[in-house]
N, C-alpha and C. Protein backbone atom coordinates (compact mmCIF):
# COMPACT_ATOMS: atom_id res chain seq x y z
N PRO A 1 43.89 73.85 202.11
CA PRO A 1 44.36 73.53 200.60
C PRO A 1 46.32 72.87 200.91
N ILE A 2 45.87 71.28 200.81
CA ILE A 2 47.58 70.88 200.66
C ILE A 2 48.02 70.95 199.75
N GLU A 3 49.36 70.59 199.54
CA GLU A 3 49.72 70.27 198.00
C GLU A 3 50.16 69.07 198.27
N ILE A 4 49.34 67.95 198.32
CA ILE A 4 49.75 66.44 198.79
C ILE A 4 50.89 66.08 197.98
N GLN A 5 51.35 66.00 196.57
CA GLN A 5 52.17 65.53 196.33
C GLN A 5 53.29 65.92 196.63
N ARG A 6 54.06 67.44 197.27
CA ARG A 6 54.70 67.42 197.99
C ARG A 6 54.73 67.06 199.37
N ALA A 7 53.70 67.33 199.94
CA ALA A 7 53.66 66.85 201.14
C ALA A 7 53.82 64.73 201.31
N MET A 8 53.22 64.25 200.51
CA MET A 8 53.90 63.20 200.42
C MET A 8 55.30 62.94 200.45
N GLN A 9 55.81 63.60 199.44
CA GLN A 9 57.17 63.35 198.99
C GLN A 9 57.92 63.40 200.74
N GLN A 10 57.54 64.45 201.75
CA GLN A 10 57.90 64.94 202.29
C GLN A 10 57.87 63.84 203.48
N ILE A 11 56.69 63.43 203.42
CA ILE A 11 56.55 62.25 204.60
C ILE A 11 57.37 60.76 204.38
N ILE A 12 57.34 60.48 202.66
CA ILE A 12 57.97 60.00 202.19
C ILE A 12 59.90 59.54 202.63
N THR A 13 60.25 60.46 202.34
CA THR A 13 61.36 60.88 202.45
C THR A 13 62.12 60.99 203.66
N GLU A 14 60.95 61.56 204.84
CA GLU A 14 61.52 61.36 205.89
C GLU A 14 61.28 59.89 206.45
N GLN A 15 60.24 59.47 206.41
CA GLN A 15 60.17 58.22 206.69
C GLN A 15 61.03 56.80 206.51
N ILE A 16 61.49 56.80 205.19
CA ILE A 16 62.62 56.10 204.42
C ILE A 16 63.71 56.04 205.30
N GLY A 17 64.29 57.76 205.22
CA GLY A 17 65.60 58.52 205.51
C GLY A 17 65.11 57.46 207.27
N MET A 18 65.17 58.26 207.64
CA MET A 18 64.64 57.53 209.30
C MET A 18 65.02 56.04 209.68
N PHE A 19 64.39 55.44 208.68
CA PHE A 19 64.54 53.90 208.88
C PHE A 19 65.77 53.15 208.28
N CYS A 20 66.18 53.86 207.26
CA CYS A 20 67.52 53.50 206.32
C CYS A 20 68.62 54.28 207.58
N ALA A 21 68.24 55.23 207.61
CA ALA A 21 69.46 55.91 208.31
C ALA A 21 69.74 56.88 209.37
N GLY A 22 68.42 56.64 210.16
CA GLY A 22 68.37 57.26 211.68
C GLY A 22 68.73 58.78 211.37
N VAL A 23 68.49 59.71 210.25
CA VAL A 23 68.83 60.96 210.45
C VAL A 23 67.86 61.67 209.82
N SER A 24 67.35 62.65 210.36
CA SER A 24 65.65 63.66 209.64
C SER A 24 66.55 63.90 208.09
N SER A 25 65.15 64.55 207.47
CA SER A 25 65.52 64.82 206.43
C SER A 25 65.39 66.56 206.26
N GLU A 26 64.27 66.59 207.38
CA GLU A 26 63.56 68.04 207.04
C GLU A 26 64.20 69.10 206.65
N ALA A 27 65.81 69.60 207.37
CA ALA A 27 66.01 70.43 206.99
C ALA A 27 67.06 70.61 205.43
N TYR A 28 66.52 69.49 205.13
CA TYR A 28 67.41 69.22 203.79
C TYR A 28 66.53 69.20 202.54
N PHE A 29 65.07 68.98 203.42
CA PHE A 29 64.11 68.36 201.72
C PHE A 29 63.99 69.21 200.53
N ASP A 30 64.10 70.50 200.58
CA ASP A 30 64.04 71.42 199.27
C ASP A 30 65.13 70.92 198.70
N ASP A 31 66.72 71.02 199.22
CA ASP A 31 67.50 70.81 198.43
C ASP A 31 67.40 69.34 198.06
N LEU A 32 66.86 68.25 198.88
CA LEU A 32 67.06 66.65 198.21
C LEU A 32 66.18 66.93 196.87
N LEU A 33 65.01 67.93 196.96
CA LEU A 33 64.14 67.70 195.99
C LEU A 33 64.78 68.23 194.51
N TYR A 34 65.18 69.21 194.75
CA TYR A 34 66.19 69.90 193.91
C TYR A 34 67.12 69.11 193.33
N PHE A 35 68.04 68.78 193.88
CA PHE A 35 69.22 68.35 193.75
C PHE A 35 68.63 66.63 192.89
N LEU A 36 67.80 66.21 193.18
CA LEU A 36 66.96 64.40 192.62
C LEU A 36 66.47 65.24 190.80
N LYS A 37 65.77 65.94 190.70
CA LYS A 37 65.40 66.83 189.83
C LYS A 37 66.66 67.21 188.50
N MET A 38 67.74 67.77 189.11
CA MET A 38 68.58 67.86 188.32
C MET A 38 69.42 67.50 187.78
N MET A 39 69.74 66.24 189.16
CA MET A 39 70.47 65.09 188.29
C MET A 39 70.34 64.10 187.71
N ILE A 40 68.75 64.19 187.70
CA ILE A 40 67.71 63.43 186.46
C ILE A 40 67.82 63.81 185.22
N GLN A 41 67.64 65.17 185.26
CA GLN A 41 67.55 66.33 183.96
C GLN A 41 69.10 65.74 183.24
N LEU A 42 70.52 66.37 184.02
CA LEU A 42 71.48 66.04 183.98
C LEU A 42 71.84 64.94 183.24
N ASN A 43 71.97 63.98 183.88
CA ASN A 43 72.63 62.77 184.01
C ASN A 43 71.83 61.31 183.56
N VAL A 44 70.98 61.33 183.42
CA VAL A 44 69.89 60.49 183.20
C VAL A 44 69.14 60.61 181.74
N THR A 45 67.95 61.64 181.89
CA THR A 45 67.84 62.09 180.33
C THR A 45 68.18 62.58 179.66
N LYS A 46 69.39 63.79 180.31
CA LYS A 46 70.05 64.40 179.67
C LYS A 46 69.03 65.86 178.67
N ARG A 47 68.39 65.97 179.56
CA ARG A 47 67.64 67.05 178.93
C ARG A 47 68.35 68.23 179.05
N LEU A 48 69.15 68.65 179.78
CA LEU A 48 69.61 69.49 180.34
C LEU A 48 70.75 69.79 180.28
N PRO A 49 71.26 70.60 179.65
CA PRO A 49 73.52 70.95 179.63
C PRO A 49 73.86 70.52 180.51
N LYS A 50 75.31 70.48 180.64
CA LYS A 50 76.31 69.87 181.84
C LYS A 50 76.32 71.32 182.43
N VAL A 51 76.18 72.32 181.63
CA VAL A 51 76.68 74.13 182.23
C VAL A 51 75.69 74.25 183.41
N MET A 52 74.52 73.67 183.19
CA MET A 52 74.05 73.87 184.54
C MET A 52 74.21 73.30 185.88
N GLU A 53 75.71 72.52 185.98
CA GLU A 53 76.17 72.28 187.11
C GLU A 53 76.37 73.58 187.88
N ARG A 54 76.82 74.25 187.31
CA ARG A 54 77.23 75.50 187.38
C ARG A 54 76.55 76.82 188.03
N LEU A 55 75.61 76.81 188.08
CA LEU A 55 73.95 77.68 188.63
C LEU A 55 74.37 77.71 189.75
N PRO A 56 74.00 78.84 190.24
CA PRO A 56 74.49 78.98 191.97
C PRO A 56 73.63 78.25 192.77
N LYS A 57 72.23 77.82 192.02
CA LYS A 57 71.12 77.04 192.93
C LYS A 57 71.67 75.88 192.76
N TYR A 58 71.91 75.04 191.90
CA TYR A 58 72.69 73.91 191.95
C TYR A 58 73.92 73.45 193.00
N LYS A 59 74.81 74.49 192.97
CA LYS A 59 76.04 74.54 193.46
C LYS A 59 75.84 74.44 195.15
N ARG A 60 74.21 75.55 195.12
CA ARG A 60 74.13 75.33 196.71
C ARG A 60 73.70 74.45 197.30
N ALA A 61 72.76 73.84 196.33
CA ALA A 61 72.01 72.42 196.55
C ALA A 61 73.26 71.44 196.65
N LYS A 62 74.05 71.18 195.80
CA LYS A 62 75.40 69.97 196.17
C LYS A 62 75.77 70.45 196.93
N ARG A 63 76.10 71.38 197.86
CA ARG A 63 76.72 71.63 198.70
C ARG A 63 76.36 71.27 199.79
N ARG A 64 74.54 71.43 199.85
CA ARG A 64 73.79 70.50 201.19
C ARG A 64 74.40 69.85 201.02
N MET A 65 73.92 69.08 200.20
CA MET A 65 73.89 67.34 200.19
C MET A 65 75.18 66.85 200.30
N GLU A 66 76.32 67.59 200.39
CA GLU A 66 78.01 67.32 200.82
C GLU A 66 77.10 67.09 201.89
N GLU A 67 76.66 68.64 202.69
CA GLU A 67 76.81 69.09 204.37
C GLU A 67 75.47 67.53 205.04
N PHE A 68 74.82 67.18 204.51
CA PHE A 68 73.99 66.42 205.35
C PHE A 68 74.41 64.72 204.90
N TYR A 69 75.22 64.46 203.56
CA TYR A 69 76.17 63.45 203.79
C TYR A 69 76.61 63.68 205.27
N ASP A 70 77.37 64.41 205.65
CA ASP A 70 78.60 64.44 206.47
C ASP A 70 78.02 64.22 207.89
N LYS A 71 76.52 65.11 208.00
CA LYS A 71 76.16 64.50 209.15
C LYS A 71 75.26 63.39 209.65
N ILE A 72 75.21 62.61 208.03
CA ILE A 72 74.80 61.07 208.00
C ILE A 72 76.01 60.74 208.73
N MET A 73 77.00 60.76 208.55
CA MET A 73 78.29 59.50 208.38
C MET A 73 78.97 60.00 210.14
N GLU A 74 78.03 61.43 210.18
CA GLU A 74 79.01 61.75 211.66
C GLU A 74 78.36 60.79 212.73
N SER A 75 76.23 60.86 212.14
CA SER A 75 75.73 59.81 213.23
C SER A 75 76.04 58.53 213.21
N HIS A 76 77.15 58.36 212.14
CA HIS A 76 77.32 56.59 212.20
C HIS A 76 78.60 56.68 212.41
N ARG A 77 79.53 57.06 212.93
CA ARG A 77 80.69 56.77 213.81
C ARG A 77 80.58 55.59 215.07
N PRO A 78 81.57 54.46 214.53
CA PRO A 78 81.17 53.28 215.52
C PRO A 78 80.81 54.18 217.20
N GLU A 79 81.46 54.82 217.33
CA GLU A 79 81.21 55.11 218.71
C GLU A 79 79.26 56.02 219.32
N LYS A 80 79.23 56.21 218.08
CA LYS A 80 77.69 56.83 218.17
C LYS A 80 76.89 56.21 217.75
N ARG A 81 77.18 54.37 217.24
CA ARG A 81 76.10 53.16 217.00
C ARG A 81 76.14 52.21 217.86
N GLU A 82 76.91 52.26 219.10
CA GLU A 82 77.36 51.13 220.18
C GLU A 82 76.21 50.86 220.70
N GLY A 83 75.51 49.47 220.29
CA GLY A 83 74.24 48.82 220.87
C GLY A 83 72.85 49.23 220.57
N GLN A 84 73.51 49.81 219.09
CA GLN A 84 72.24 50.13 217.98
C GLN A 84 71.87 49.40 217.39
N PRO A 85 70.90 48.40 216.42
CA PRO A 85 71.07 47.66 215.93
C PRO A 85 71.44 47.92 214.24
N PRO A 86 72.23 47.20 213.08
CA PRO A 86 73.24 48.18 212.20
C PRO A 86 71.83 48.73 211.14
N ASP A 87 72.07 49.59 210.29
CA ASP A 87 70.97 50.39 209.78
C ASP A 87 71.95 50.20 208.01
N PHE A 88 71.09 50.44 207.30
CA PHE A 88 71.30 50.33 205.95
C PHE A 88 72.37 50.91 205.56
N ILE A 89 72.96 52.22 206.51
CA ILE A 89 74.11 52.73 206.13
C ILE A 89 75.36 52.40 206.66
N ASP A 90 75.04 51.33 207.85
CA ASP A 90 75.77 50.93 208.64
C ASP A 90 76.47 49.44 207.43
N THR A 91 75.75 48.75 207.25
CA THR A 91 75.66 47.75 206.01
C THR A 91 76.82 48.35 204.70
N LEU A 92 76.47 49.68 204.19
CA LEU A 92 76.93 50.55 203.26
C LEU A 92 78.53 50.34 203.20
N LEU A 93 78.93 50.86 204.62
CA LEU A 93 80.34 51.47 205.34
C LEU A 93 80.97 50.07 205.36
N GLU A 94 80.57 49.06 205.90
CA GLU A 94 80.49 47.43 206.18
C GLU A 94 81.21 46.95 204.85
N ALA A 95 80.44 47.03 203.73
CA ALA A 95 80.51 46.75 202.46
C ALA A 95 81.63 48.00 202.07
N ASN A 96 81.84 48.92 202.09
CA ASN A 96 83.27 49.82 201.71
C ASN A 96 84.24 49.45 202.51
N GLN A 97 84.64 49.26 204.04
CA GLN A 97 85.35 48.88 204.61
C GLN A 97 86.06 47.06 203.81
N ALA A 98 85.17 45.86 203.87
CA ALA A 98 85.26 44.72 203.35
C ALA A 98 85.66 44.82 201.67
N ASP A 99 85.92 45.74 200.67
CA ASP A 99 85.69 45.55 199.75
C ASP A 99 86.03 47.08 198.67
N PRO A 100 86.71 47.66 199.04
CA PRO A 100 86.47 49.47 198.54
C PRO A 100 86.44 49.14 196.94
N GLN A 101 86.80 48.39 196.12
CA GLN A 101 86.83 48.38 194.63
C GLN A 101 85.20 47.99 194.71
N LEU A 102 84.58 47.46 195.20
CA LEU A 102 83.22 47.24 195.25
C LEU A 102 82.14 48.38 195.59
N LEU A 103 82.60 48.99 196.41
CA LEU A 103 81.84 50.14 196.62
C LEU A 103 82.80 51.17 197.58
N PRO A 104 83.16 51.82 196.53
CA PRO A 104 84.37 52.80 196.30
C PRO A 104 84.14 53.83 197.57
N GLU A 105 84.90 54.64 197.99
CA GLU A 105 84.97 56.13 198.89
C GLU A 105 83.73 56.91 198.22
N THR A 106 84.45 56.91 196.79
CA THR A 106 83.77 58.18 195.82
C THR A 106 82.17 57.56 195.26
N ASP A 107 81.57 56.65 195.67
CA ASP A 107 80.04 56.46 195.26
C ASP A 107 79.98 56.37 196.47
N LEU A 108 80.15 56.49 198.17
CA LEU A 108 79.30 56.32 198.94
C LEU A 108 78.23 57.63 199.15
N LEU A 109 78.90 59.00 198.67
CA LEU A 109 77.65 59.97 198.86
C LEU A 109 76.25 59.80 198.51
N VAL A 110 76.27 59.11 196.85
CA VAL A 110 75.20 58.99 196.55
C VAL A 110 74.87 58.04 197.50
N ASN A 111 75.75 56.44 197.49
CA ASN A 111 74.56 55.73 197.61
C ASN A 111 73.84 56.04 199.93
N VAL A 112 74.69 56.99 200.62
CA VAL A 112 74.29 57.35 201.72
C VAL A 112 72.81 58.37 201.68
N LEU A 113 73.13 58.71 200.36
CA LEU A 113 71.69 59.83 200.19
C LEU A 113 70.83 59.06 199.26
N ALA A 114 71.01 57.90 198.80
CA ALA A 114 69.73 56.85 198.43
C ALA A 114 68.77 56.95 198.78
N PRO A 115 68.48 56.15 199.99
CA PRO A 115 67.23 56.22 201.01
C PRO A 115 65.99 57.09 201.01
N TYR A 116 67.06 58.23 201.12
CA TYR A 116 66.03 59.88 200.87
C TYR A 116 65.91 60.04 199.55
N LEU A 117 66.17 59.70 198.43
CA LEU A 117 65.73 60.17 196.99
C LEU A 117 64.95 59.30 196.69
N VAL A 118 65.14 57.68 197.04
CA VAL A 118 64.11 56.42 196.14
C VAL A 118 63.06 56.42 196.27
N GLY A 119 62.40 57.34 196.74
CA GLY A 119 60.70 57.61 196.93
C GLY A 119 60.58 58.87 196.63
N MET A 120 60.88 59.80 196.39
CA MET A 120 60.50 60.66 196.50
C MET A 120 59.55 60.68 195.48
N ASP A 121 59.46 60.42 193.80
CA ASP A 121 58.72 60.49 193.18
C ASP A 121 57.80 58.66 193.09
N THR A 122 58.22 58.33 192.76
CA THR A 122 57.45 56.83 192.72
C THR A 122 56.59 56.78 193.88
N ALA A 123 56.84 56.26 195.52
CA ALA A 123 56.03 56.47 196.12
C ALA A 123 55.36 57.42 196.50
N ALA A 124 55.83 57.84 196.85
CA ALA A 124 54.85 59.93 196.88
C ALA A 124 54.11 59.63 195.53
N SER A 125 54.05 59.64 194.87
CA SER A 125 52.92 59.40 193.97
C SER A 125 51.79 58.84 193.97
N ILE A 126 52.53 57.09 194.25
CA ILE A 126 51.11 56.35 194.36
C ILE A 126 50.57 56.65 195.47
N CYS A 127 51.17 56.98 196.47
CA CYS A 127 50.62 57.70 197.92
C CYS A 127 49.61 59.09 197.55
N ALA A 128 49.93 59.81 196.88
CA ALA A 128 49.06 60.59 196.73
C ALA A 128 47.77 60.23 195.64
N PHE A 129 48.17 59.17 194.60
CA PHE A 129 47.17 59.34 194.33
C PHE A 129 46.56 58.39 195.00
N MET A 130 46.44 57.46 195.62
CA MET A 130 45.83 56.56 196.53
C MET A 130 45.15 57.75 197.45
N LEU A 131 45.17 58.13 197.83
CA LEU A 131 44.87 59.56 199.09
C LEU A 131 43.67 60.23 197.95
N HIS A 132 44.02 60.88 196.89
CA HIS A 132 43.04 61.18 195.90
C HIS A 132 42.02 60.36 195.24
N SER A 133 42.16 58.90 195.79
CA SER A 133 40.93 57.83 195.30
C SER A 133 40.30 57.75 196.33
N LEU A 134 40.89 57.56 197.35
CA LEU A 134 40.26 57.45 198.85
C LEU A 134 39.51 58.30 198.80
N LEU A 135 39.76 59.50 198.88
CA LEU A 135 38.78 60.88 198.95
C LEU A 135 37.56 60.75 198.53
N LYS A 136 37.94 60.30 197.01
CA LYS A 136 36.63 60.59 196.13
C LYS A 136 35.96 59.46 196.60
N HIS A 137 36.29 58.51 196.92
CA HIS A 137 35.65 56.91 197.36
C HIS A 137 35.21 57.03 198.90
N PRO A 138 34.89 58.04 199.63
CA PRO A 138 34.42 58.39 201.16
C PRO A 138 34.50 56.48 201.83
N ASP A 139 33.39 56.23 201.15
CA ASP A 139 32.96 54.78 201.37
C ASP A 139 34.16 53.36 202.09
N LEU A 140 35.36 53.42 200.81
CA LEU A 140 36.13 53.21 200.62
C LEU A 140 37.42 53.53 202.00
N LEU A 141 36.98 54.81 202.26
CA LEU A 141 38.09 55.20 202.92
C LEU A 141 37.84 54.95 204.42
N GLU A 142 36.64 54.87 203.90
CA GLU A 142 35.84 54.56 205.55
C GLU A 142 36.49 53.43 206.37
N ARG A 143 36.13 52.29 205.43
CA ARG A 143 36.85 50.47 205.66
C ARG A 143 38.35 51.05 205.49
N VAL A 144 38.82 51.44 205.04
CA VAL A 144 40.46 51.24 205.60
C VAL A 144 40.76 51.84 206.65
N LYS A 145 39.78 53.16 207.19
CA LYS A 145 40.03 53.60 208.38
C LYS A 145 39.81 52.62 209.54
N GLU A 146 38.93 51.82 209.38
CA GLU A 146 38.30 51.34 210.43
C GLU A 146 39.18 49.92 210.46
N GLU A 147 39.88 49.66 209.33
CA GLU A 147 40.81 47.93 209.10
C GLU A 147 41.88 48.68 209.93
N VAL A 148 42.41 49.95 209.85
CA VAL A 148 43.46 50.46 209.93
C VAL A 148 43.36 50.48 211.60
N ASP A 149 42.14 50.86 212.30
CA ASP A 149 42.17 51.19 213.61
C ASP A 149 42.40 50.10 214.16
N GLU A 150 41.84 48.73 213.64
CA GLU A 150 41.39 47.55 214.49
C GLU A 150 42.83 46.83 214.41
N MET A 151 43.48 47.23 213.61
CA MET A 151 45.36 46.58 213.49
C MET A 151 45.53 46.93 214.65
N TYR A 152 45.82 48.42 214.99
CA TYR A 152 46.43 49.43 215.79
C TYR A 152 46.00 48.41 217.37
N GLU A 153 44.46 48.22 217.41
CA GLU A 153 43.87 48.31 218.75
C GLU A 153 44.26 46.93 219.02
N GLU A 154 44.51 45.99 217.92
CA GLU A 154 45.22 44.45 218.26
C GLU A 154 46.92 44.16 218.36
N HIS A 155 47.24 45.04 217.85
CA HIS A 155 48.82 45.24 217.93
C HIS A 155 49.32 46.08 218.40
N GLY A 156 48.71 47.35 218.52
CA GLY A 156 49.45 48.61 219.40
C GLY A 156 49.88 49.37 218.58
N SER A 157 51.06 48.82 217.41
CA SER A 157 51.24 49.86 216.16
C SER A 157 51.65 48.58 215.10
N PRO A 158 51.94 49.05 213.92
CA PRO A 158 52.48 48.00 213.33
C PRO A 158 53.21 46.94 213.10
N THR A 159 52.43 45.72 212.65
CA THR A 159 53.65 44.43 212.74
C THR A 159 53.29 43.82 211.40
N PRO A 160 54.12 42.81 210.73
CA PRO A 160 53.97 42.11 209.55
C PRO A 160 52.58 41.44 210.02
N ALA A 161 52.04 40.84 210.98
CA ALA A 161 50.85 39.80 210.95
C ALA A 161 49.65 41.06 210.90
N GLY A 162 49.81 42.20 211.60
CA GLY A 162 48.81 42.70 211.35
C GLY A 162 48.53 43.71 210.17
N MET A 163 49.83 43.79 209.06
CA MET A 163 49.92 44.29 208.43
C MET A 163 48.86 43.65 206.97
N ARG A 164 49.41 42.54 207.43
CA ARG A 164 49.03 41.24 206.79
C ARG A 164 47.24 41.05 206.77
N LYS A 165 46.54 41.63 207.44
CA LYS A 165 45.40 41.21 207.57
C LYS A 165 44.46 42.71 206.86
N LEU A 166 45.12 43.52 206.50
CA LEU A 166 44.50 45.01 206.05
C LEU A 166 43.94 44.69 204.58
N ASP A 167 42.85 43.65 204.04
CA ASP A 167 42.63 43.44 203.11
C ASP A 167 41.66 44.27 202.00
N VAL A 168 41.69 45.61 202.85
CA VAL A 168 40.62 46.41 202.03
C VAL A 168 41.68 47.49 201.51
N THR A 169 42.59 47.76 202.55
CA THR A 169 43.87 48.55 202.30
C THR A 169 44.74 48.21 201.15
N HIS A 170 44.72 46.96 201.50
CA HIS A 170 45.50 46.12 200.39
C HIS A 170 44.88 46.10 199.08
N ARG A 171 43.80 45.82 199.03
CA ARG A 171 43.56 45.63 197.35
C ARG A 171 42.89 47.14 197.01
N VAL A 172 43.18 48.19 198.09
CA VAL A 172 42.96 49.59 197.57
C VAL A 172 44.61 50.22 196.90
N ALA A 173 45.61 49.72 197.39
CA ALA A 173 46.73 50.14 196.74
C ALA A 173 47.12 49.27 195.66
N MET A 174 47.03 48.40 195.98
CA MET A 174 47.14 47.24 194.30
C MET A 174 46.35 47.91 193.13
N GLU A 175 45.01 48.32 193.49
CA GLU A 175 44.45 48.93 192.43
C GLU A 175 44.83 50.75 191.89
N THR A 176 45.58 51.05 192.99
CA THR A 176 46.23 52.11 192.69
C THR A 176 47.29 52.14 192.24
N LEU A 177 48.07 51.06 192.38
CA LEU A 177 48.93 50.54 191.62
C LEU A 177 48.61 50.44 189.71
N ARG A 178 47.81 49.91 190.09
CA ARG A 178 46.97 48.97 188.26
C ARG A 178 46.81 50.81 187.44
N MET A 179 45.88 51.65 187.97
CA MET A 179 45.49 52.50 187.37
C MET A 179 46.95 53.28 187.23
């Protein structure tokens, strides 16, 4: 058995994070998940009292987020980015340098970690539900597999043109969102 929601959270977090920042979140995943859950409950829904920030587990997760932030920032020093196309983090750093009032140094940590946090609940839940739906309908699963296999054969790897040809996959995704 695979805990599919958690597996999707790990996959989505890693993929979005690598695409936007180029740094793996694998060693920090549990702390990212806990930190996000606590931040929502403490600051957004206010379901938990601020005193919860004093708990050792929260302090550890926050410390690990700061460590992860430092790792990302280290990998984005100009001399390490030479010859590489700019990514999301480079754009953030550029915005901070261009207008520190628009994006102050104090807001960088949350913004740098955002790509790792944004899909943990939303995209991961959608993917988990879509997989569940496909497994319940093996005929659709087979059609999606065939379509994806054709795309890889034709394009070698996913391309915008290849993705646009995934008709059944697109309709399954839209129905998943509708549900």
